[in-house]
Amino acid sequence: MIQNKLNAFSKVFKIQQVMAAALCTTVLALTSACSSLSTNADAAAPSVAKDTPPNILLILSDDHAWSDYGFMGHEIVKTPALDKLAHEGVTFKRAYVPTSLCRPSLATIATGLYASQHSITGNGPSKKVPGGKKGEKYAQLRKQIISKVDKLDTLPELLRAKGYVSHQSGKWWEGSFKRGGFDQGMTQGFGNHPQGRHGDVGLKIGRKGLAPVTNFIDEAVAAGKPFLAWYAPFMPHTPHTPPERILKKYTNKGLALPIAKYYAMIEWFDETNGELFDHLEKKGIKDNTLIVYVSDNGWITNPKQTDRFLPLSKQSPAESGVRTPIMFSLPSKFKPQMRPELVSSIDIVPTILGVAGVEVPAGLPGKNLFANMVNETPLDRNEVYGEGFSHDMTDINDIESSLLYRWVIEGDWKLILSYDGVNESYQEHHAVDRQGPRLYKVSTDEYEQVNLAKQHPEIVERLSQKLVDWYPLHKRKILQK
């Protein structure tokens, strides 16, 4: 299966490299229709308990392919802790993040907003500003991007009204943990730490033990406070430096070393989750702790280069860029469920608020899934949306300036439209994305090898209109073959 997967991606990459990507007259006119973003939160969702709101453990893996879990059918990689969580809780195996780049994806998970709404669309400003990355202008722009979070309502801030205390560990781009509304945390942030980018000190979590998180949990329990723990370790993210005891399990299988290291990183990450789950058990709070799991974006290891990824994964609108399982476990309320519906990481904030008994703010685009999970009722949804921007933000105040693609999935069908936004970096990875409309029947073509856009122009037209209705564009043009 694994070799077939790599062969499939290699085939697609080679085919798409030789395809012409010349711009033609845009045939899909964009209208000035109003945005269809709406509040889908279920106002009738039940509250968990008036006096004892559940604790919340939010787990975010980093650069983790949707298929690379035991419960997702992987034949090699071992994830016993997450497998157990998947089978004990409510698991959406066909779930997505709207943006397959870590910083905007994490900002979405923290706010419940699309990147086009919170406007943190890339990992940093343009490197082409005067002075480059080491210049004063670049530093000023970094500060301005971080300041965007000050205007947003974050999950820990929204939960505080219900008495929650919160802790941040792992990945966190938006300055210190305090700027995100956390009461405690590890990340010092740009201006406070020499490497204040991904998460500085926070990146030690998982790789160098779990004491900051477990100590916080102990303090919250002792104080009788419900808690939110943001656990976003730099795992399985590069550098792929797993313990030798785990790496041997995979090198002994004859795998290419870069792949063996990546798989070992996943197992190491899984071990840390098992330790956290055991700690909840020992404290006697597992039944009343909501555990939420999601990956920030996908990954496909380059088998010839350690710590490198292949196209059609991270930063891509392909399934291996944006798809992820999303899990919710709350033993006191949820029966085990493997669910087939489409969900998105935009649903995480309203669902957590719904479980905690906190009013969901008007304007959030996601759904509160709590009632559906408690009552085991189907979701009223048939599509999910996503968007992708360049790694570097050409104009930090103009989201369209670096827009590369948008996508919509409706039932079996997925449409990807690419745009003429400026892309300053990772050009080799985006070469396969810079082409005309792509339509895939992802229910049977999970690795998107057969573009059916020409065979089904009526579906392309209908789904294109859904993207226009989602939100209209005013500057960007759709790329055509």
Protein backbone atom coordinates (compact mmCIF):
# COMPACT_ATOMS: atom_id res chain seq x y z
CA MET A 1 0.00 0.00 0.00
CA ILE A 2 2.75 2.44 0.99
CA GLN A 3 4.79 1.87 -2.16
CA ASN A 4 1.63 2.16 -4.28
CA LYS A 5 0.89 5.45 -2.59
CA LEU A 6 4.36 6.83 -3.41
CA ASN A 7 4.14 5.51 -6.98
CA ALA A 8 0.77 7.18 -7.43
CA PHE A 9 2.11 10.53 -6.32
CA SER A 10 5.20 10.18 -8.48
CA LYS A 11 3.03 9.41 -11.49
CA VAL A 12 0.76 12.38 -10.89
CA PHE A 13 3.71 14.71 -10.35
CA LYS A 14 5.42 13.66 -13.59
CA ILE A 15 2.24 13.90 -15.63
CA GLN A 16 1.27 17.28 -14.27
CA GLN A 17 4.78 18.69 -14.74
CA VAL A 18 4.54 18.27 -18.51
CA MET A 19 1.01 19.62 -18.83
CA ALA A 20 0.69 23.10 -20.26
CA ALA A 21 -0.34 25.70 -17.73
CA ALA A 22 -0.84 28.64 -20.07
CA LEU A 23 -3.41 31.21 -19.05
CA CYS A 24 -6.51 31.44 -21.23
CA THR A 25 -9.56 33.64 -21.13
CA THR A 26 -11.36 33.10 -17.85
CA VAL A 27 -14.54 31.19 -18.52
CA LEU A 28 -15.89 31.18 -15.02
CA ALA A 29 -17.08 34.71 -14.32
CA LEU A 30 -16.94 35.77 -10.72
CA THR A 31 -19.97 37.63 -9.53
CA SER A 32 -20.35 40.14 -6.73
CA ALA A 33 -22.55 37.79 -4.78
CA CYS A 34 -22.56 38.27 -1.05
CA SER A 35 -20.56 35.89 1.07
CA SER A 36 -22.46 32.83 2.23
CA LEU A 37 -20.57 32.58 5.50
CA SER A 38 -23.15 32.05 8.19
CA THR A 39 -23.52 30.90 11.73
CA ASN A 40 -24.26 27.18 11.63
CA ALA A 41 -23.92 26.57 15.33
CA ASP A 42 -26.76 24.51 16.75
CA ALA A 43 -28.37 26.80 19.31
CA ALA A 44 -30.37 23.86 20.67
CA ALA A 45 -27.29 21.82 21.56
CA PRO A 46 -27.50 20.46 25.11
CA SER A 47 -25.10 21.63 27.78
CA VAL A 48 -22.85 19.05 29.44
CA ALA A 49 -23.49 20.00 33.02
CA LYS A 50 -24.34 23.23 34.77
CA ASP A 51 -21.85 22.82 37.59
CA THR A 52 -19.09 20.67 36.17
CA PRO A 53 -18.09 21.76 32.66
CA PRO A 54 -15.70 19.26 31.11
CA ASN A 55 -11.97 19.72 30.93
CA ILE A 56 -10.58 20.07 27.42
CA LEU A 57 -7.42 18.55 25.97
CA LEU A 58 -6.85 19.82 22.42
CA ILE A 59 -4.22 17.75 20.58
CA LEU A 60 -2.72 18.97 17.33
CA SER A 61 -0.24 16.88 15.39
CA ASP A 62 2.04 18.63 12.93
CA ASP A 63 2.74 17.62 9.30
CA HIS A 64 0.90 14.30 9.60
CA ALA A 65 -0.69 12.57 6.59
CA TRP A 66 -4.37 11.63 6.91
CA SER A 67 -3.72 7.94 6.20
CA ASP A 68 -0.79 7.46 8.59
CA TYR A 69 -2.61 5.94 11.58
CA GLY A 70 -3.47 2.39 12.49
CA PHE A 71 -7.20 3.16 12.70
CA MET A 72 -7.06 4.70 9.21
CA GLY A 73 -5.77 1.42 7.82
CA HIS A 74 -2.02 2.02 7.64
CA GLU A 75 -0.14 -1.24 7.28
CA ILE A 76 3.10 -0.20 8.96
CA VAL A 77 2.97 2.80 11.28
CA LYS A 78 1.89 2.12 14.88
CA THR A 79 -0.47 4.48 16.73
CA PRO A 80 -2.02 2.44 19.57
CA ALA A 81 -2.98 5.43 21.75
CA LEU A 82 -4.73 7.29 18.95
CA ASP A 83 -6.30 4.04 17.72
CA LYS A 84 -7.82 3.54 21.16
CA LEU A 85 -9.05 7.14 21.21
CA ALA A 86 -10.57 6.70 17.75
CA HIS A 87 -12.52 3.63 18.78
CA GLU A 88 -13.64 5.02 22.14
CA GLY A 89 -14.80 8.41 20.86
CA VAL A 90 -16.47 10.01 17.87
CA THR A 91 -14.21 9.82 14.84
CA PHE A 92 -14.74 11.66 11.59
CA LYS A 93 -12.47 9.86 9.16
CA ARG A 94 -13.30 12.22 6.31
CA ALA A 95 -12.40 15.54 7.87
CA TYR A 96 -10.42 18.53 6.63
CA VAL A 97 -8.46 21.64 7.50
CA PRO A 98 -9.32 24.57 5.20
CA THR A 99 -5.67 25.60 4.75
CA SER A 100 -2.72 23.21 4.48
CA LEU A 101 -0.09 25.51 5.95
CA CYS A 102 0.66 25.43 9.67
CA ARG A 103 0.29 29.05 10.79
CA PRO A 104 -3.05 29.83 9.14
CA SER A 105 -4.31 26.35 10.00
CA LEU A 106 -3.48 26.82 13.68
CA ALA A 107 -5.07 30.27 13.66
CA THR A 108 -8.25 28.67 12.33
CA ILE A 109 -8.25 26.05 15.10
CA ALA A 110 -7.74 28.78 17.70
CA THR A 111 -10.45 31.13 16.39
CA GLY A 112 -12.94 29.09 14.37
CA LEU A 113 -12.42 31.39 11.38
CA TYR A 114 -11.19 30.74 7.86
CA ALA A 115 -7.81 32.23 6.91
CA SER A 116 -9.64 34.68 4.65
CA GLN A 117 -11.46 35.88 7.79
CA HIS A 118 -8.67 36.00 10.37
CA SER A 119 -6.29 37.17 7.57
CA ILE A 120 -3.25 35.26 8.85
CA THR A 121 -2.81 33.60 5.47
CA GLY A 122 0.90 32.74 5.43
CA ASN A 123 3.80 31.88 7.69
CA GLY A 124 5.50 35.25 7.31
CA PRO A 125 5.79 38.42 5.23
CA SER A 126 7.48 38.69 1.85
CA LYS A 127 11.23 38.20 1.91
CA LYS A 128 11.52 40.65 -0.97
CA VAL A 129 10.93 43.70 1.21
CA PRO A 130 13.88 46.13 1.52
CA GLY A 131 16.56 44.55 3.68
CA GLY A 132 15.22 41.03 3.28
CA LYS A 133 14.53 38.72 6.22
CA LYS A 134 17.11 40.42 8.42
CA GLY A 135 15.91 43.95 7.71
CA GLU A 136 13.85 46.31 9.85
CA LYS A 137 10.92 46.31 7.42
CA TYR A 138 10.59 42.54 7.66
CA ALA A 139 10.61 42.72 11.46
CA GLN A 140 7.92 45.42 11.41
CA LEU A 141 5.72 43.29 9.16
CA ARG A 142 6.16 40.28 11.45
CA LYS A 143 4.92 42.37 14.36
CA GLN A 144 1.93 43.54 12.34
CA ILE A 145 0.96 39.98 11.46
CA ILE A 146 1.17 38.92 15.10
CA SER A 147 -0.99 41.89 16.11
CA LYS A 148 -3.87 40.45 14.09
CA VAL A 149 -4.59 37.97 16.90
CA ASP A 150 -5.22 40.89 19.28
CA LYS A 151 -8.40 41.68 17.37
CA LEU A 152 -9.69 38.11 17.39
CA ASP A 153 -11.62 36.14 20.00
CA THR A 154 -9.61 33.03 20.73
CA LEU A 155 -10.80 29.77 22.27
CA PRO A 156 -9.15 30.32 25.69
CA GLU A 157 -10.64 33.82 25.86
CA LEU A 158 -14.11 32.53 25.03
CA LEU A 159 -13.86 29.75 27.62
CA ARG A 160 -12.67 32.07 30.38
CA ALA A 161 -16.23 33.32 30.92
CA LYS A 162 -17.10 29.79 32.07
CA GLY A 163 -14.27 29.70 34.59
CA TYR A 164 -11.74 27.84 32.47
CA VAL A 165 -8.00 28.18 32.99
CA SER A 166 -5.79 27.51 29.98
CA HIS A 167 -2.28 26.44 29.04
CA GLN A 168 -0.36 26.58 25.74
CA SER A 169 2.41 24.23 24.70
CA GLY A 170 3.94 23.39 21.33
CA LYS A 171 3.31 25.26 18.11
CA TRP A 172 2.05 28.82 18.52
CA TRP A 173 2.98 31.51 16.02
CA GLU A 174 1.09 34.52 17.34
CA GLY A 175 3.56 36.00 19.81
CA SER A 176 3.61 34.89 23.43
CA PHE A 177 0.96 32.59 24.86
CA LYS A 178 -0.60 35.63 26.55
CA ARG A 179 -1.49 37.21 23.21
CA GLY A 180 -3.56 34.13 22.46
CA GLY A 181 -5.47 34.55 25.71
CA PHE A 182 -3.83 31.64 27.54
CA ASP A 183 -3.34 31.95 31.29
CA GLN A 184 -0.16 29.91 31.22
CA GLY A 185 2.12 28.71 28.47
CA MET A 186 5.55 27.97 27.14
CA THR A 187 5.97 30.09 24.02
CA GLN A 188 7.61 33.46 24.60
CA GLY A 189 7.11 34.75 21.06
CA PHE A 190 8.78 37.09 18.61
CA GLY A 191 10.49 39.95 20.42
CA ASN A 192 10.85 37.89 23.60
CA HIS A 193 12.88 34.98 22.27
CA PRO A 194 15.63 34.71 19.64
CA GLN A 195 13.70 31.99 17.80
CA GLY A 196 10.22 33.35 18.46
CA ARG A 197 8.64 31.89 15.32
CA HIS A 198 7.06 28.41 15.39
CA GLY A 199 6.75 28.37 19.16
CA ASP A 200 10.32 28.67 20.57
CA VAL A 201 10.42 27.16 24.09
CA GLY A 202 7.02 25.58 23.50
CA LEU A 203 8.53 23.25 20.92
CA LYS A 204 10.23 21.25 23.67
CA ILE A 205 6.93 19.71 24.69
CA GLY A 206 6.63 16.04 23.80
CA ARG A 207 10.19 15.73 22.58
CA LYS A 208 11.50 16.59 26.06
CA GLY A 209 8.75 15.31 28.31
CA LEU A 210 5.26 16.46 29.27
CA ALA A 211 5.80 18.03 32.71
CA PRO A 212 4.55 21.53 31.77
CA VAL A 213 1.20 20.07 30.66
CA THR A 214 0.76 17.49 33.42
CA ASN A 215 1.76 20.01 36.08
CA PHE A 216 -0.82 22.45 34.74
CA ILE A 217 -3.49 19.74 34.80
CA ASP A 218 -2.61 18.89 38.39
CA GLU A 219 -2.84 22.55 39.42
CA ALA A 220 -6.20 23.02 37.73
CA VAL A 221 -7.65 19.87 39.31
CA ALA A 222 -6.36 20.90 42.75
CA ALA A 223 -7.98 24.32 42.32
CA GLY A 224 -11.27 22.79 41.16
CA LYS A 225 -11.05 24.62 37.84
CA PRO A 226 -12.04 23.30 34.42
CA PHE A 227 -9.09 23.54 32.05
CA LEU A 228 -8.11 23.89 28.40
CA ALA A 229 -4.74 22.36 27.50
CA TRP A 230 -3.43 23.24 24.02
CA TYR A 231 -1.02 20.41 23.20
CA ALA A 232 0.55 21.07 19.79
CA PRO A 233 3.96 19.37 19.84
CA PHE A 234 6.46 19.80 17.01
CA MET A 235 5.70 16.19 16.04
CA PRO A 236 5.95 14.42 13.70
CA HIS A 237 7.28 17.66 12.16
CA THR A 238 10.91 17.86 11.12
CA PRO A 239 13.56 17.48 12.31
CA HIS A 240 12.77 13.78 12.20
CA THR A 241 14.89 12.73 15.18
CA PRO A 242 13.05 9.82 16.84
CA PRO A 243 14.58 7.73 19.63
CA GLU A 244 16.72 4.92 18.29
CA ARG A 245 14.54 2.33 20.11
CA ILE A 246 11.57 3.36 17.92
CA LEU A 247 13.51 4.02 14.73
CA LYS A 248 14.87 0.44 14.75
CA LYS A 249 11.33 -0.88 14.42
CA TYR A 250 11.06 0.77 11.02
CA THR A 251 14.60 0.52 9.66
CA ASN A 252 14.37 -3.21 10.33
CA LYS A 253 11.50 -3.32 7.82
CA GLY A 254 13.78 -2.26 5.00
CA LEU A 255 12.17 1.15 4.52
CA ALA A 256 14.02 4.10 3.05
CA LEU A 257 15.61 5.96 5.97
CA PRO A 258 13.59 9.22 5.50
CA ILE A 259 10.35 7.21 5.59
CA ALA A 260 11.48 5.13 8.56
CA LYS A 261 12.30 8.31 10.48
CA TYR A 262 8.92 9.87 9.68
CA TYR A 263 7.02 6.76 10.77
CA ALA A 264 9.07 6.58 13.96
CA MET A 265 8.24 10.22 14.68
CA ILE A 266 4.53 9.37 14.42
CA GLU A 267 4.90 6.50 16.88
CA TRP A 268 6.86 8.75 19.25
CA PHE A 269 4.12 11.37 19.04
CA ASP A 270 1.54 8.66 19.73
CA GLU A 271 3.45 7.59 22.83
CA THR A 272 3.16 11.10 24.26
CA ASN A 273 -0.58 11.01 23.76
CA GLY A 274 -0.75 7.72 25.59
CA GLU A 275 1.11 9.29 28.52
CA LEU A 276 -1.37 12.18 28.65
CA PHE A 277 -4.35 9.82 28.49
CA ASP A 278 -2.86 7.76 31.33
CA HIS A 279 -2.41 10.93 33.39
CA LEU A 280 -6.07 11.83 32.95
CA GLU A 281 -6.98 8.32 34.12
CA LYS A 282 -4.76 8.58 37.20
CA LYS A 283 -6.32 11.91 38.13
CA GLY A 284 -9.80 10.38 37.77
CA ILE A 285 -10.89 13.00 35.21
CA LYS A 286 -10.84 11.08 31.92
CA ASP A 287 -14.62 10.61 31.78
CA ASN A 288 -15.22 14.35 32.10
CA THR A 289 -12.44 15.48 29.76
CA LEU A 290 -13.19 16.32 26.16
CA ILE A 291 -10.24 15.21 24.04
CA VAL A 292 -10.14 16.75 20.58
CA TYR A 293 -7.65 15.60 17.96
CA VAL A 294 -6.71 17.12 14.59
CA SER A 295 -3.61 17.52 12.42
CA ASP A 296 -2.70 20.99 11.13
CA ASN A 297 -1.92 19.77 7.60
CA GLY A 298 -0.73 16.74 5.69
CA TRP A 299 2.66 15.42 4.66
CA ILE A 300 4.27 12.98 2.23
CA THR A 301 7.89 12.19 2.97
CA ASN A 302 10.41 12.46 0.17
CA PRO A 303 11.98 8.98 0.26
CA LYS A 304 15.28 10.35 -1.05
CA GLN A 305 15.69 13.30 1.33
CA THR A 306 15.33 13.32 5.10
CA ASP A 307 13.06 16.05 6.47
CA ARG A 308 11.66 16.96 3.03
CA PHE A 309 8.14 16.62 1.66
CA LEU A 310 6.80 15.90 -1.80
CA PRO A 311 4.36 18.02 -3.83
CA LEU A 312 0.65 17.33 -3.44
CA SER A 313 0.95 17.26 0.34
CA LYS A 314 1.83 20.09 2.73
CA GLN A 315 0.80 23.51 1.29
CA SER A 316 -1.33 21.74 -1.34
CA PRO A 317 -5.11 21.52 -1.87
CA ALA A 318 -4.71 17.78 -2.52
CA GLU A 319 -6.22 15.29 -0.09
CA SER A 320 -2.77 14.63 1.37
CA GLY A 321 -2.51 18.34 2.14
CA VAL A 322 -5.90 19.13 3.64
CA ARG A 323 -7.46 15.89 4.83
CA THR A 324 -7.15 14.74 8.46
CA PRO A 325 -9.14 12.62 10.88
CA ILE A 326 -10.86 14.71 13.55
CA MET A 327 -11.79 13.03 16.83
CA PHE A 328 -13.88 14.01 19.85
CA SER A 329 -13.84 11.87 22.97
CA LEU A 330 -15.97 12.56 26.06
CA PRO A 331 -16.80 9.22 27.71
CA SER A 332 -19.47 10.72 29.98
CA LYS A 333 -21.46 11.89 26.93
CA PHE A 334 -20.36 10.30 23.66
CA LYS A 335 -20.81 6.70 22.64
CA PRO A 336 -18.20 5.32 20.21
CA GLN A 337 -19.01 6.35 16.64
CA MET A 338 -17.16 6.10 13.33
CA ARG A 339 -18.82 8.79 11.25
CA PRO A 340 -18.71 9.27 7.46
CA GLU A 341 -19.80 12.91 7.26
CA LEU A 342 -17.69 15.82 6.05
CA VAL A 343 -16.40 18.01 8.87
CA SER A 344 -13.78 20.72 9.08
CA SER A 345 -11.46 22.20 11.69
CA ILE A 346 -13.70 25.30 11.59
CA ASP A 347 -16.14 23.13 13.57
CA ILE A 348 -13.75 22.65 16.50
CA VAL A 349 -14.26 26.00 18.25
CA PRO A 350 -18.09 26.03 18.13
CA THR A 351 -18.21 22.37 19.17
CA ILE A 352 -15.90 22.89 22.16
CA LEU A 353 -17.94 25.92 23.20
CA GLY A 354 -21.13 23.89 22.85
CA VAL A 355 -19.76 21.10 25.01
CA ALA A 356 -18.60 23.62 27.62
CA GLY A 357 -21.99 25.33 27.71
CA VAL A 358 -20.61 28.61 26.34
CA GLU A 359 -22.67 30.62 23.87
CA VAL A 360 -21.26 30.34 20.35
CA PRO A 361 -20.53 33.83 18.96
CA ALA A 362 -22.50 34.95 15.94
CA GLY A 363 -20.52 34.88 12.73
CA LEU A 364 -18.51 31.70 13.20
CA PRO A 365 -18.76 29.66 9.98
CA GLY A 366 -18.43 26.24 11.59
CA LYS A 367 -20.98 23.89 13.09
CA ASN A 368 -21.51 22.97 16.72
CA LEU A 369 -21.42 19.16 16.42
CA PHE A 370 -22.22 18.45 20.06
CA ALA A 371 -25.92 17.58 19.71
CA ASN A 372 -25.22 15.36 16.69
CA MET A 373 -22.58 13.42 18.61
CA VAL A 374 -24.68 13.05 21.77
CA ASN A 375 -27.82 12.04 19.90
CA GLU A 376 -25.98 10.14 17.14
CA THR A 377 -27.89 12.08 14.50
CA PRO A 378 -26.60 12.89 10.99
CA LEU A 379 -25.11 16.29 10.18
CA ASP A 380 -26.97 18.74 8.00
CA ARG A 381 -24.05 19.35 5.68
CA ASN A 382 -22.99 18.19 2.24
CA GLU A 383 -19.93 20.31 1.53
CA VAL A 384 -16.77 21.75 3.05
CA TYR A 385 -14.54 24.55 1.76
CA GLY A 386 -10.87 25.43 1.75
CA GLU A 387 -8.36 27.93 0.47
CA GLY A 388 -4.60 28.12 0.10
CA PHE A 389 -2.18 31.00 0.02
CA SER A 390 1.54 31.30 -0.60
CA HIS A 391 3.95 30.61 2.23
CA ASP A 392 5.02 34.27 2.19
CA MET A 393 2.38 37.01 2.44
CA THR A 394 2.94 39.44 -0.44
CA ASP A 395 0.66 42.05 1.12
CA ILE A 396 -0.25 41.28 4.73
CA ASN A 397 -3.43 43.38 4.46
CA ASP A 398 -4.66 41.98 1.14
CA ILE A 399 -5.64 38.32 1.34
CA GLU A 400 -6.14 38.07 -2.43
CA SER A 401 -2.57 39.12 -3.18
CA SER A 402 -1.18 35.66 -2.44
CA LEU A 403 -4.25 33.47 -3.04
CA LEU A 404 -3.19 30.34 -4.91
CA TYR A 405 -6.28 28.14 -4.85
CA ARG A 406 -9.69 27.44 -3.38
CA TRP A 407 -11.52 24.14 -3.20
CA VAL A 408 -14.91 22.70 -2.35
CA ILE A 409 -15.97 19.14 -1.65
CA GLU A 410 -19.61 18.21 -2.19
CA GLY A 411 -20.42 14.60 -1.49
CA ASP A 412 -18.18 12.51 -3.74
CA TRP A 413 -16.86 15.45 -5.77
CA LYS A 414 -13.95 17.81 -5.16
CA LEU A 415 -13.24 20.87 -7.29
CA ILE A 416 -9.95 22.80 -7.07
CA LEU A 417 -9.58 26.19 -8.74
CA SER A 418 -6.16 27.83 -8.94
CA TYR A 419 -5.59 31.58 -9.11
CA ASP A 420 -2.93 34.01 -10.25
CA GLY A 421 -1.86 35.14 -6.77
CA VAL A 422 1.82 35.87 -6.19
CA ASN A 423 3.90 32.90 -5.03
CA GLU A 424 7.41 33.79 -3.88
CA SER A 425 8.58 30.48 -2.43
CA TYR A 426 8.21 26.69 -2.79
CA GLN A 427 7.58 27.16 -6.52
CA GLU A 428 8.67 23.59 -7.21
CA HIS A 429 6.01 22.27 -4.83
CA HIS A 430 3.26 24.42 -6.31
CA ALA A 431 4.07 23.63 -9.96
CA VAL A 432 1.42 20.90 -9.97
CA ASP A 433 -1.14 23.31 -8.47
CA ARG A 434 -0.69 26.10 -11.00
CA GLN A 435 -3.09 24.83 -13.64
CA GLY A 436 -6.72 24.86 -14.67
CA PRO A 437 -9.77 23.48 -12.88
CA ARG A 438 -9.41 20.00 -11.40
CA LEU A 439 -12.40 17.83 -10.60
CA TYR A 440 -11.96 14.56 -8.74
CA LYS A 441 -14.32 11.91 -7.50
CA VAL A 442 -12.50 11.60 -4.20
CA SER A 443 -14.77 8.89 -2.84
CA THR A 444 -13.07 6.47 -5.26
CA ASP A 445 -9.95 8.47 -6.21
CA GLU A 446 -8.42 9.48 -2.87
CA TYR A 447 -5.07 10.34 -4.44
CA GLU A 448 -6.63 12.48 -7.19
CA GLN A 449 -5.07 10.79 -10.20
CA VAL A 450 -7.90 11.32 -12.69
CA ASN A 451 -9.04 14.87 -13.47
CA LEU A 452 -12.67 14.65 -14.64
CA ALA A 453 -13.20 18.38 -15.28
CA LYS A 454 -13.58 17.97 -19.06
CA GLN A 455 -15.95 15.03 -18.71
CA HIS A 456 -18.24 16.86 -16.26
CA PRO A 457 -18.33 20.59 -17.13
CA GLU A 458 -21.73 20.93 -15.49
CA ILE A 459 -20.32 19.83 -12.13
CA VAL A 460 -17.37 22.21 -12.54
CA GLU A 461 -19.77 25.07 -13.21
CA ARG A 462 -22.01 24.25 -10.26
CA LEU A 463 -19.18 23.83 -7.76
CA SER A 464 -17.42 26.94 -9.11
CA GLN A 465 -20.54 28.91 -8.29
CA LYS A 466 -20.46 27.51 -4.75
CA LEU A 467 -16.98 29.00 -4.33
CA VAL A 468 -18.22 32.34 -5.62
CA ASP A 469 -21.12 32.18 -3.18
CA TRP A 470 -18.74 31.27 -0.36
CA TYR A 471 -16.99 34.59 -0.91
CA PRO A 472 -16.45 36.58 -4.12
CA LEU A 473 -13.05 37.61 -5.41
CA HIS A 474 -12.33 41.07 -6.79
CA LYS A 475 -8.78 40.83 -8.13
CA ARG A 476 -7.73 37.26 -8.75
CA LYS A 477 -8.31 35.36 -11.98
CA ILE A 478 -8.81 31.63 -12.33
CA LEU A 479 -6.03 29.77 -14.11
CA GLN A 480 -7.12 27.84 -17.19
CA LYS A 481 -5.30 25.15 -19.12
